[in-house]
Amino acid sequence: MYNTTANSSTYNQALQLLDSALRIDRQNSVIYDNKYQALVKLGRFEEAKVSLQMATENIGNCAAGFMAMAFLNEYLNNFISAKSNYKKAIQQYGIRSQYSN
């Protein structure tokens, strides 16, 4: 599923830039998503989970962050955590749909 043979120096450079961007804007979900994707490409799954946890804390119950965390936990065969994250994502999507009417 994930390409761990990716060009690591390019992804490591990207991670440095993404960390700099997060120091400027801690509530930007795109930065967190890009950081998560880069970490996954490098096979650094635990760091990817930490990045997603930071996203959900700093953005405030980010549904997309919970979904990404669920996918990652499922990939890592951590099904209990995956189920919990799916539930949180569904709840957040439901809350958002309440306010869109």
PDB file of N, CA and C in Angstrom:
ATOM      1  N   MET A   1       0.820  -1.199   0.000  1.00  0.00           N
ATOM      2  CA  MET A   1       0.000   0.000   0.000  1.00  0.00           C
ATOM      3  C   MET A   1       0.862   1.259   0.000  1.00  0.00           C
ATOM      4  N   TYR A   2       1.898   1.298   0.793  1.00  0.00           N
ATOM      5  CA  TYR A   2       2.734   2.488   0.886  1.00  0.00           C
ATOM      6  C   TYR A   2       4.105   2.213   0.289  1.00  0.00           C
ATOM      7  N   ASN A   3       4.653   3.209  -0.349  1.00  0.00           N
ATOM      8  CA  ASN A   3       5.946   3.089  -1.009  1.00  0.00           C
ATOM      9  C   ASN A   3       7.038   3.561  -0.059  1.00  0.00           C
ATOM     10  N   THR A   4       7.679   2.632   0.618  1.00  0.00           N
ATOM     11  CA  THR A   4       8.724   3.006   1.571  1.00  0.00           C
ATOM     12  C   THR A   4      10.082   3.159   0.892  1.00  0.00           C
ATOM     13  N   THR A   5      10.151   2.956  -0.428  1.00  0.00           N
ATOM     14  CA  THR A   5      11.405   3.160  -1.157  1.00  0.00           C
ATOM     15  C   THR A   5      11.439   4.539  -1.814  1.00  0.00           C
ATOM     16  N   ALA A   6      10.572   5.427  -1.363  1.00  0.00           N
ATOM     17  CA  ALA A   6      10.507   6.768  -1.927  1.00  0.00           C
ATOM     18  C   ALA A   6      11.826   7.500  -1.702  1.00  0.00           C
ATOM     19  N   ASN A   7      12.051   8.517  -2.499  1.00  0.00           N
ATOM     20  CA  ASN A   7      13.258   9.339  -2.385  1.00  0.00           C
ATOM     21  C   ASN A   7      13.245  10.028  -1.019  1.00  0.00           C
ATOM     22  N   SER A   8      13.973   9.458  -0.075  1.00  0.00           N
ATOM     23  CA  SER A   8      13.889   9.928   1.308  1.00  0.00           C
ATOM     24  C   SER A   8      14.412  11.343   1.499  1.00  0.00           C
ATOM     25  N   SER A   9      15.426  11.753   0.761  1.00  0.00           N
ATOM     26  CA  SER A   9      15.948  13.107   0.975  1.00  0.00           C
ATOM     27  C   SER A   9      14.918  14.162   0.561  1.00  0.00           C
ATOM     28  N   THR A  10      14.182  13.908  -0.504  1.00  0.00           N
ATOM     29  CA  THR A  10      13.139  14.847  -0.932  1.00  0.00           C
ATOM     30  C   THR A  10      12.039  14.933   0.117  1.00  0.00           C
ATOM     31  N   TYR A  11      11.617  13.775   0.633  1.00  0.00           N
ATOM     32  CA  TYR A  11      10.569  13.779   1.650  1.00  0.00           C
ATOM     33  C   TYR A  11      11.064  14.395   2.951  1.00  0.00           C
ATOM     34  N   ASN A  12      12.311  14.160   3.311  1.00  0.00           N
ATOM     35  CA  ASN A  12      12.854  14.777   4.528  1.00  0.00           C
ATOM     36  C   ASN A  12      12.936  16.288   4.384  1.00  0.00           C
ATOM     37  N   GLN A  13      13.297  16.770   3.197  1.00  0.00           N
ATOM     38  CA  GLN A  13      13.303  18.222   2.960  1.00  0.00           C
ATOM     39  C   GLN A  13      11.881  18.770   3.067  1.00  0.00           C
ATOM     40  N   ALA A  14      10.938  18.047   2.497  1.00  0.00           N
ATOM     41  CA  ALA A  14       9.541  18.474   2.570  1.00  0.00           C
ATOM     42  C   ALA A  14       9.075  18.529   4.020  1.00  0.00           C
ATOM     43  N   LEU A  15       9.480  17.548   4.824  1.00  0.00           N
ATOM     44  CA  LEU A  15       9.093  17.543   6.237  1.00  0.00           C
ATOM     45  C   LEU A  15       9.631  18.758   6.976  1.00  0.00           C
ATOM     46  N   GLN A  16      10.846  19.161   6.660  1.00  0.00           N
ATOM     47  CA  GLN A  16      11.412  20.361   7.289  1.00  0.00           C
ATOM     48  C   GLN A  16      10.588  21.596   6.924  1.00  0.00           C
ATOM     49  N   LEU A  17      10.217  21.709   5.658  1.00  0.00           N
ATOM     50  CA  LEU A  17       9.402  22.846   5.217  1.00  0.00           C
ATOM     51  C   LEU A  17       8.007  22.808   5.835  1.00  0.00           C
ATOM     52  N   LEU A  18       7.440  21.623   5.926  1.00  0.00           N
ATOM     53  CA  LEU A  18       6.115  21.497   6.537  1.00  0.00           C
ATOM     54  C   LEU A  18       6.150  21.849   8.017  1.00  0.00           C
ATOM     55  N   ASP A  19       7.206  21.445   8.715  1.00  0.00           N
ATOM     56  CA  ASP A  19       7.340  21.834  10.123  1.00  0.00           C
ATOM     57  C   ASP A  19       7.454  23.343  10.269  1.00  0.00           C
ATOM     58  N   SER A  20       8.191  23.978   9.361  1.00  0.00           N
ATOM     59  CA  SER A  20       8.293  25.450   9.378  1.00  0.00           C
ATOM     60  C   SER A  20       6.927  26.076   9.143  1.00  0.00           C
ATOM     61  N   ALA A  21       6.173  25.519   8.200  1.00  0.00           N
ATOM     62  CA  ALA A  21       4.839  26.037   7.912  1.00  0.00           C
ATOM     63  C   ALA A  21       3.912  25.873   9.115  1.00  0.00           C
ATOM     64  N   LEU A  22       4.032  24.752   9.824  1.00  0.00           N
ATOM     65  CA  LEU A  22       3.188  24.537  11.000  1.00  0.00           C
ATOM     66  C   LEU A  22       3.521  25.493  12.138  1.00  0.00           C
ATOM     67  N   ARG A  23       4.763  25.947  12.197  1.00  0.00           N
ATOM     68  CA  ARG A  23       5.112  26.955  13.222  1.00  0.00           C
ATOM     69  C   ARG A  23       4.387  28.270  12.926  1.00  0.00           C
ATOM     70  N   ILE A  24       4.085  28.512  11.674  1.00  0.00           N
ATOM     71  CA  ILE A  24       3.383  29.731  11.271  1.00  0.00           C
ATOM     72  C   ILE A  24       1.873  29.561  11.398  1.00  0.00           C
ATOM     73  N   ASP A  25       1.363  28.405  10.978  1.00  0.00           N
ATOM     74  CA  ASP A  25      -0.084  28.177  10.948  1.00  0.00           C
ATOM     75  C   ASP A  25      -0.411  26.775  11.454  1.00  0.00           C
ATOM     76  N   ARG A  26      -0.733  26.669  12.729  1.00  0.00           N
ATOM     77  CA  ARG A  26      -1.004  25.372  13.345  1.00  0.00           C
ATOM     78  C   ARG A  26      -2.416  24.859  13.071  1.00  0.00           C
ATOM     79  N   GLN A  27      -3.237  25.659  12.397  1.00  0.00           N
ATOM     80  CA  GLN A  27      -4.612  25.233  12.140  1.00  0.00           C
ATOM     81  C   GLN A  27      -4.873  24.947  10.663  1.00  0.00           C
ATOM     82  N   ASN A  28      -3.836  24.718   9.899  1.00  0.00           N
ATOM     83  CA  ASN A  28      -3.970  24.458   8.470  1.00  0.00           C
ATOM     84  C   ASN A  28      -3.979  22.943   8.226  1.00  0.00           C
ATOM     85  N   SER A  29      -5.143  22.420   7.893  1.00  0.00           N
ATOM     86  CA  SER A  29      -5.284  20.969   7.736  1.00  0.00           C
ATOM     87  C   SER A  29      -4.480  20.431   6.552  1.00  0.00           C
ATOM     88  N   VAL A  30      -4.261  21.237   5.534  1.00  0.00           N
ATOM     89  CA  VAL A  30      -3.507  20.787   4.357  1.00  0.00           C
ATOM     90  C   VAL A  30      -2.053  20.509   4.736  1.00  0.00           C
ATOM     91  N   ILE A  31      -1.487  21.335   5.592  1.00  0.00           N
ATOM     92  CA  ILE A  31      -0.101  21.122   6.020  1.00  0.00           C
ATOM     93  C   ILE A  31       0.016  19.807   6.789  1.00  0.00           C
ATOM     94  N   TYR A  32      -0.923  19.582   7.715  1.00  0.00           N
ATOM     95  CA  TYR A  32      -0.901  18.326   8.473  1.00  0.00           C
ATOM     96  C   TYR A  32      -1.064  17.127   7.547  1.00  0.00           C
ATOM     97  N   ASP A  33      -1.964  17.239   6.574  1.00  0.00           N
ATOM     98  CA  ASP A  33      -2.179  16.129   5.654  1.00  0.00           C
ATOM     99  C   ASP A  33      -0.923  15.850   4.841  1.00  0.00           C
ATOM    100  N   ASN A  34      -0.276  16.891   4.357  1.00  0.00           N
ATOM    101  CA  ASN A  34       0.956  16.698   3.587  1.00  0.00           C
ATOM    102  C   ASN A  34       2.056  16.077   4.444  1.00  0.00           C
ATOM    103  N   LYS A  35       2.131  16.511   5.700  1.00  0.00           N
ATOM    104  CA  LYS A  35       3.140  15.950   6.599  1.00  0.00           C
ATOM    105  C   LYS A  35       2.848  14.469   6.853  1.00  0.00           C
ATOM    106  N   TYR A  36       1.599  14.166   7.095  1.00  0.00           N
ATOM    107  CA  TYR A  36       1.186  12.779   7.297  1.00  0.00           C
ATOM    108  C   TYR A  36       1.551  11.923   6.086  1.00  0.00           C
ATOM    109  N   GLN A  37       1.236  12.414   4.895  1.00  0.00           N
ATOM    110  CA  GLN A  37       1.516  11.666   3.668  1.00  0.00           C
ATOM    111  C   GLN A  37       3.020  11.427   3.491  1.00  0.00           C
ATOM    112  N   ALA A  38       3.822  12.452   3.762  1.00  0.00           N
ATOM    113  CA  ALA A  38       5.278  12.301   3.629  1.00  0.00           C
ATOM    114  C   ALA A  38       5.822  11.274   4.625  1.00  0.00           C
ATOM    115  N   LEU A  39       5.339  11.341   5.856  1.00  0.00           N
ATOM    116  CA  LEU A  39       5.791  10.388   6.867  1.00  0.00           C
ATOM    117  C   LEU A  39       5.401   8.956   6.498  1.00  0.00           C
ATOM    118  N   VAL A  40       4.213   8.789   5.970  1.00  0.00           N
ATOM    119  CA  VAL A  40       3.770   7.458   5.547  1.00  0.00           C
ATOM    120  C   VAL A  40       4.644   6.959   4.399  1.00  0.00           C
ATOM    121  N   LYS A  41       4.942   7.827   3.441  1.00  0.00           N
ATOM    122  CA  LYS A  41       5.801   7.426   2.316  1.00  0.00           C
ATOM    123  C   LYS A  41       7.162   6.947   2.811  1.00  0.00           C
ATOM    124  N   LEU A  42       7.639   7.530   3.903  1.00  0.00           N
ATOM    125  CA  LEU A  42       8.927   7.145   4.476  1.00  0.00           C
ATOM    126  C   LEU A  42       8.816   5.932   5.406  1.00  0.00           C
ATOM    127  N   GLY A  43       7.592   5.457   5.615  1.00  0.00           N
ATOM    128  CA  GLY A  43       7.399   4.316   6.506  1.00  0.00           C
ATOM    129  C   GLY A  43       7.473   4.676   7.975  1.00  0.00           C
ATOM    130  N   ARG A  44       7.343   5.951   8.292  1.00  0.00           N
ATOM    131  CA  ARG A  44       7.428   6.437   9.673  1.00  0.00           C
ATOM    132  C   ARG A  44       6.007   6.578  10.239  1.00  0.00           C
ATOM    133  N   PHE A  45       5.378   5.425  10.457  1.00  0.00           N
ATOM    134  CA  PHE A  45       3.963   5.386  10.777  1.00  0.00           C
ATOM    135  C   PHE A  45       3.623   5.978  12.139  1.00  0.00           C
ATOM    136  N   GLU A  46       4.450   5.718  13.143  1.00  0.00           N
ATOM    137  CA  GLU A  46       4.166   6.265  14.481  1.00  0.00           C
ATOM    138  C   GLU A  46       4.226   7.794  14.456  1.00  0.00           C
ATOM    139  N   GLU A  47       5.193   8.353  13.739  1.00  0.00           N
ATOM    140  CA  GLU A  47       5.276   9.812  13.607  1.00  0.00           C
ATOM    141  C   GLU A  47       4.072  10.349  12.840  1.00  0.00           C
ATOM    142  N   ALA A  48       3.601   9.587  11.865  1.00  0.00           N
ATOM    143  CA  ALA A  48       2.416   9.994  11.110  1.00  0.00           C
ATOM    144  C   ALA A  48       1.202  10.056  12.031  1.00  0.00           C
ATOM    145  N   LYS A  49       1.079   9.068  12.923  1.00  0.00           N
ATOM    146  CA  LYS A  49      -0.021   9.080  13.888  1.00  0.00           C
ATOM    147  C   LYS A  49       0.061  10.295  14.805  1.00  0.00           C
ATOM    148  N   VAL A  50       1.259  10.623  15.254  1.00  0.00           N
ATOM    149  CA  VAL A  50       1.439  11.794  16.121  1.00  0.00           C
ATOM    150  C   VAL A  50       1.030  13.073  15.378  1.00  0.00           C
ATOM    151  N   SER A  51       1.409  13.161  14.112  1.00  0.00           N
ATOM    152  CA  SER A  51       1.049  14.331  13.315  1.00  0.00           C
ATOM    153  C   SER A  51      -0.472  14.469  13.191  1.00  0.00           C
ATOM    154  N   LEU A  52      -1.147  13.351  12.976  1.00  0.00           N
ATOM    155  CA  LEU A  52      -2.609  13.386  12.876  1.00  0.00           C
ATOM    156  C   LEU A  52      -3.246  13.742  14.222  1.00  0.00           C
ATOM    157  N   GLN A  53      -2.676  13.235  15.312  1.00  0.00           N
ATOM    158  CA  GLN A  53      -3.194  13.588  16.633  1.00  0.00           C
ATOM    159  C   GLN A  53      -3.045  15.083  16.884  1.00  0.00           C
ATOM    160  N   MET A  54      -1.907  15.635  16.481  1.00  0.00           N
ATOM    161  CA  MET A  54      -1.695  17.084  16.620  1.00  0.00           C
ATOM    162  C   MET A  54      -2.716  17.852  15.791  1.00  0.00           C
ATOM    163  N   ALA A  55      -3.013  17.356  14.603  1.00  0.00           N
ATOM    164  CA  ALA A  55      -3.992  18.013  13.739  1.00  0.00           C
ATOM    165  C   ALA A  55      -5.355  18.060  14.415  1.00  0.00           C
ATOM    166  N   THR A  56      -5.786  16.923  14.961  1.00  0.00           N
ATOM    167  CA  THR A  56      -7.105  16.901  15.586  1.00  0.00           C
ATOM    168  C   THR A  56      -7.146  17.772  16.841  1.00  0.00           C
ATOM    169  N   GLU A  57      -6.031  17.891  17.537  1.00  0.00           N
ATOM    170  CA  GLU A  57      -5.979  18.752  18.727  1.00  0.00           C
ATOM    171  C   GLU A  57      -5.954  20.228  18.349  1.00  0.00           C
ATOM    172  N   ASN A  58      -5.135  20.589  17.361  1.00  0.00           N
ATOM    173  CA  ASN A  58      -4.962  22.002  17.010  1.00  0.00           C
ATOM    174  C   ASN A  58      -6.088  22.557  16.146  1.00  0.00           C
ATOM    175  N   ILE A  59      -6.697  21.717  15.343  1.00  0.00           N
ATOM    176  CA  ILE A  59      -7.774  22.185  14.480  1.00  0.00           C
ATOM    177  C   ILE A  59      -9.115  22.058  15.184  1.00  0.00           C
ATOM    178  N   GLY A  60      -9.214  21.096  16.065  1.00  0.00           N
ATOM    179  CA  GLY A  60     -10.448  20.922  16.819  1.00  0.00           C
ATOM    180  C   GLY A  60     -11.360  19.895  16.187  1.00  0.00           C
ATOM    181  N   ASN A  61     -11.181  18.658  16.576  1.00  0.00           N
ATOM    182  CA  ASN A  61     -12.028  17.571  16.107  1.00  0.00           C
ATOM    183  C   ASN A  61     -12.160  17.543  14.590  1.00  0.00           C
ATOM    184  N   CYS A  62     -11.058  17.478  13.935  1.00  0.00           N
ATOM    185  CA  CYS A  62     -10.981  17.460  12.471  1.00  0.00           C
ATOM    186  C   CYS A  62     -11.412  16.090  11.945  1.00  0.00           C
ATOM    187  N   ALA A  63     -12.553  16.040  11.268  1.00  0.00           N
ATOM    188  CA  ALA A  63     -13.084  14.777  10.763  1.00  0.00           C
ATOM    189  C   ALA A  63     -12.108  14.093   9.816  1.00  0.00           C
ATOM    190  N   ALA A  64     -11.494  14.866   8.932  1.00  0.00           N
ATOM    191  CA  ALA A  64     -10.540  14.288   7.973  1.00  0.00           C
ATOM    192  C   ALA A  64      -9.337  13.695   8.700  1.00  0.00           C
ATOM    193  N   GLY A  65      -8.904  14.328   9.780  1.00  0.00           N
ATOM    194  CA  GLY A  65      -7.796  13.815  10.575  1.00  0.00           C
ATOM    195  C   GLY A  65      -8.145  12.482  11.229  1.00  0.00           C
ATOM    196  N   PHE A  66      -9.377  12.398  11.746  1.00  0.00           N
ATOM    197  CA  PHE A  66      -9.816  11.129  12.337  1.00  0.00           C
ATOM    198  C   PHE A  66      -9.905  10.032  11.272  1.00  0.00           C
ATOM    199  N   MET A  67     -10.365  10.388  10.067  1.00  0.00           N
ATOM    200  CA  MET A  67     -10.446   9.390   8.991  1.00  0.00           C
ATOM    201  C   MET A  67      -9.055   8.894   8.612  1.00  0.00           C
ATOM    202  N   ALA A  68      -8.114   9.814   8.460  1.00  0.00           N
ATOM    203  CA  ALA A  68      -6.747   9.423   8.103  1.00  0.00           C
ATOM    204  C   ALA A  68      -6.144   8.542   9.198  1.00  0.00           C
ATOM    205  N   MET A  69      -6.407   8.900  10.460  1.00  0.00           N
ATOM    206  CA  MET A  69      -5.890   8.099  11.563  1.00  0.00           C
ATOM    207  C   MET A  69      -6.522   6.703  11.561  1.00  0.00           C
ATOM    208  N   ALA A  70      -7.792   6.634  11.212  1.00  0.00           N
ATOM    209  CA  ALA A  70      -8.463   5.342  11.126  1.00  0.00           C
ATOM    210  C   ALA A  70      -7.848   4.483  10.024  1.00  0.00           C
ATOM    211  N   PHE A  71      -7.610   5.084   8.849  1.00  0.00           N
ATOM    212  CA  PHE A  71      -6.979   4.341   7.746  1.00  0.00           C
ATOM    213  C   PHE A  71      -5.616   3.811   8.161  1.00  0.00           C
ATOM    214  N   LEU A  72      -4.825   4.670   8.816  1.00  0.00           N
ATOM    215  CA  LEU A  72      -3.480   4.287   9.225  1.00  0.00           C
ATOM    216  C   LEU A  72      -3.530   3.161  10.262  1.00  0.00           C
ATOM    217  N   ASN A  73      -4.407   3.298  11.244  1.00  0.00           N
ATOM    218  CA  ASN A  73      -4.540   2.243  12.253  1.00  0.00           C
ATOM    219  C   ASN A  73      -5.011   0.937  11.636  1.00  0.00           C
ATOM    220  N   GLU A  74      -5.906   1.035  10.672  1.00  0.00           N
ATOM    221  CA  GLU A  74      -6.363  -0.183   9.996  1.00  0.00           C
ATOM    222  C   GLU A  74      -5.207  -0.840   9.242  1.00  0.00           C
ATOM    223  N   TYR A  75      -4.408  -0.033   8.561  1.00  0.00           N
ATOM    224  CA  TYR A  75      -3.244  -0.553   7.837  1.00  0.00           C
ATOM    225  C   TYR A  75      -2.269  -1.243   8.788  1.00  0.00           C
ATOM    226  N   LEU A  76      -2.133  -0.698  10.001  1.00  0.00           N
ATOM    227  CA  LEU A  76      -1.220  -1.248  10.997  1.00  0.00           C
ATOM    228  C   LEU A  76      -1.866  -2.367  11.827  1.00  0.00           C
ATOM    229  N   ASN A  77      -3.047  -2.803  11.407  1.00  0.00           N
ATOM    230  CA  ASN A  77      -3.786  -3.875  12.077  1.00  0.00           C
ATOM    231  C   ASN A  77      -4.193  -3.527  13.505  1.00  0.00           C
ATOM    232  N   ASN A  78      -4.345  -2.257  13.779  1.00  0.00           N
ATOM    233  CA  ASN A  78      -4.816  -1.804  15.086  1.00  0.00           C
ATOM    234  C   ASN A  78      -6.304  -1.484  14.927  1.00  0.00           C
ATOM    235  N   PHE A  79      -7.105  -2.528  14.875  1.00  0.00           N
ATOM    236  CA  PHE A  79      -8.505  -2.392  14.498  1.00  0.00           C
ATOM    237  C   PHE A  79      -9.360  -1.708  15.556  1.00  0.00           C
ATOM    238  N   ILE A  80      -9.022  -1.856  16.818  1.00  0.00           N
ATOM    239  CA  ILE A  80      -9.793  -1.197  17.882  1.00  0.00           C
ATOM    240  C   ILE A  80      -9.638   0.315  17.764  1.00  0.00           C
ATOM    241  N   SER A  81      -8.413   0.781  17.579  1.00  0.00           N
ATOM    242  CA  SER A  81      -8.191   2.219  17.395  1.00  0.00           C
ATOM    243  C   SER A  81      -8.818   2.708  16.102  1.00  0.00           C
ATOM    244  N   ALA A  82      -8.719   1.901  15.045  1.00  0.00           N
ATOM    245  CA  ALA A  82      -9.324   2.282  13.766  1.00  0.00           C
ATOM    246  C   ALA A  82     -10.828   2.490  13.933  1.00  0.00           C
ATOM    247  N   LYS A  83     -11.472   1.560  14.603  1.00  0.00           N
ATOM    248  CA  LYS A  83     -12.918   1.661  14.819  1.00  0.00           C
ATOM    249  C   LYS A  83     -13.264   2.919  15.614  1.00  0.00           C
ATOM    250  N   SER A  84     -12.481   3.201  16.637  1.00  0.00           N
ATOM    251  CA  SER A  84     -12.703   4.395  17.447  1.00  0.00           C
ATOM    252  C   SER A  84     -12.555   5.665  16.601  1.00  0.00           C
ATOM    253  N   ASN A  85     -11.526   5.695  15.752  1.00  0.00           N
ATOM    254  CA  ASN A  85     -11.315   6.869  14.903  1.00  0.00           C
ATOM    255  C   ASN A  85     -12.415   7.017  13.851  1.00  0.00           C
ATOM    256  N   TYR A  86     -12.881   5.911  13.294  1.00  0.00           N
ATOM    257  CA  TYR A  86     -13.998   5.979  12.341  1.00  0.00           C
ATOM    258  C   TYR A  86     -15.238   6.561  13.019  1.00  0.00           C
ATOM    259  N   LYS A  87     -15.502   6.121  14.243  1.00  0.00           N
ATOM    260  CA  LYS A  87     -16.660   6.642  14.983  1.00  0.00           C
ATOM    261  C   LYS A  87     -16.539   8.151  15.198  1.00  0.00           C
ATOM    262  N   LYS A  88     -15.339   8.598  15.590  1.00  0.00           N
ATOM    263  CA  LYS A  88     -15.122  10.032  15.807  1.00  0.00           C
ATOM    264  C   LYS A  88     -15.314  10.817  14.513  1.00  0.00           C
ATOM    265  N   ALA A  89     -14.815  10.277  13.404  1.00  0.00           N
ATOM    266  CA  ALA A  89     -14.961  10.955  12.110  1.00  0.00           C
ATOM    267  C   ALA A  89     -16.423  11.055  11.711  1.00  0.00           C
ATOM    268  N   ILE A  90     -17.148   9.949  11.864  1.00  0.00           N
ATOM    269  CA  ILE A  90     -18.570   9.944  11.508  1.00  0.00           C
ATOM    270  C   ILE A  90     -19.332  10.945  12.353  1.00  0.00           C
ATOM    271  N   GLN A  91     -18.995  11.000  13.636  1.00  0.00           N
ATOM    272  CA  GLN A  91     -19.645  11.968  14.524  1.00  0.00           C
ATOM    273  C   GLN A  91     -19.357  13.391  14.066  1.00  0.00           C
ATOM    274  N   GLN A  92     -18.109  13.685  13.711  1.00  0.00           N
ATOM    275  CA  GLN A  92     -17.754  15.038  13.279  1.00  0.00           C
ATOM    276  C   GLN A  92     -18.418  15.389  11.954  1.00  0.00           C
ATOM    277  N   TYR A  93     -18.477  14.452  11.026  1.00  0.00           N
ATOM    278  CA  TYR A  93     -19.173  14.707   9.762  1.00  0.00           C
ATOM    279  C   TYR A  93     -20.655  14.963  10.021  1.00  0.00           C
ATOM    280  N   GLY A  94     -21.236  14.246  10.975  1.00  0.00           N
ATOM    281  CA  GLY A  94     -22.636  14.453  11.323  1.00  0.00           C
ATOM    282  C   GLY A  94     -22.880  15.825  11.924  1.00  0.00           C
ATOM    283  N   ILE A  95     -21.963  16.269  12.774  1.00  0.00           N
ATOM    284  CA  ILE A  95     -22.082  17.601  13.380  1.00  0.00           C
ATOM    285  C   ILE A  95     -21.989  18.661  12.295  1.00  0.00           C
ATOM    286  N   ARG A  96     -21.077  18.486  11.339  1.00  0.00           N
ATOM    287  CA  ARG A  96     -20.928  19.455  10.260  1.00  0.00           C
ATOM    288  C   ARG A  96     -22.190  19.522   9.399  1.00  0.00           C
ATOM    289  N   SER A  97     -22.821  18.368   9.127  1.00  0.00           N
ATOM    290  CA  SER A  97     -23.994  18.365   8.274  1.00  0.00           C
ATOM    291  C   SER A  97     -25.169  19.040   8.959  1.00  0.00           C
ATOM    292  N   GLN A  98     -25.214  19.013  10.297  1.00  0.00           N
ATOM    293  CA  GLN A  98     -26.253  19.706  11.042  1.00  0.00           C
ATOM    294  C   GLN A  98     -26.219  21.199  10.730  1.00  0.00           C
ATOM    295  N   TYR A  99     -25.027  21.768  10.643  1.00  0.00           N
ATOM    296  CA  TYR A  99     -24.885  23.209  10.471  1.00  0.00           C
ATOM    297  C   TYR A  99     -24.916  23.644   9.015  1.00  0.00           C
ATOM    298  N   SER A 100     -24.943  22.704   8.081  1.00  0.00           N
ATOM    299  CA  SER A 100     -24.926  23.076   6.677  1.00  0.00           C
ATOM    300  C   SER A 100     -26.334  23.272   6.119  1.00  0.00           C
ATOM    301  N   ASN A 101     -27.339  22.958   6.888  1.00  0.00           N
ATOM    302  CA  ASN A 101     -28.739  23.100   6.401  1.00  0.00           C
ATOM    303  C   ASN A 101     -29.236  24.501   6.504  1.00  0.00           C
TER     304      ASN A 101
END
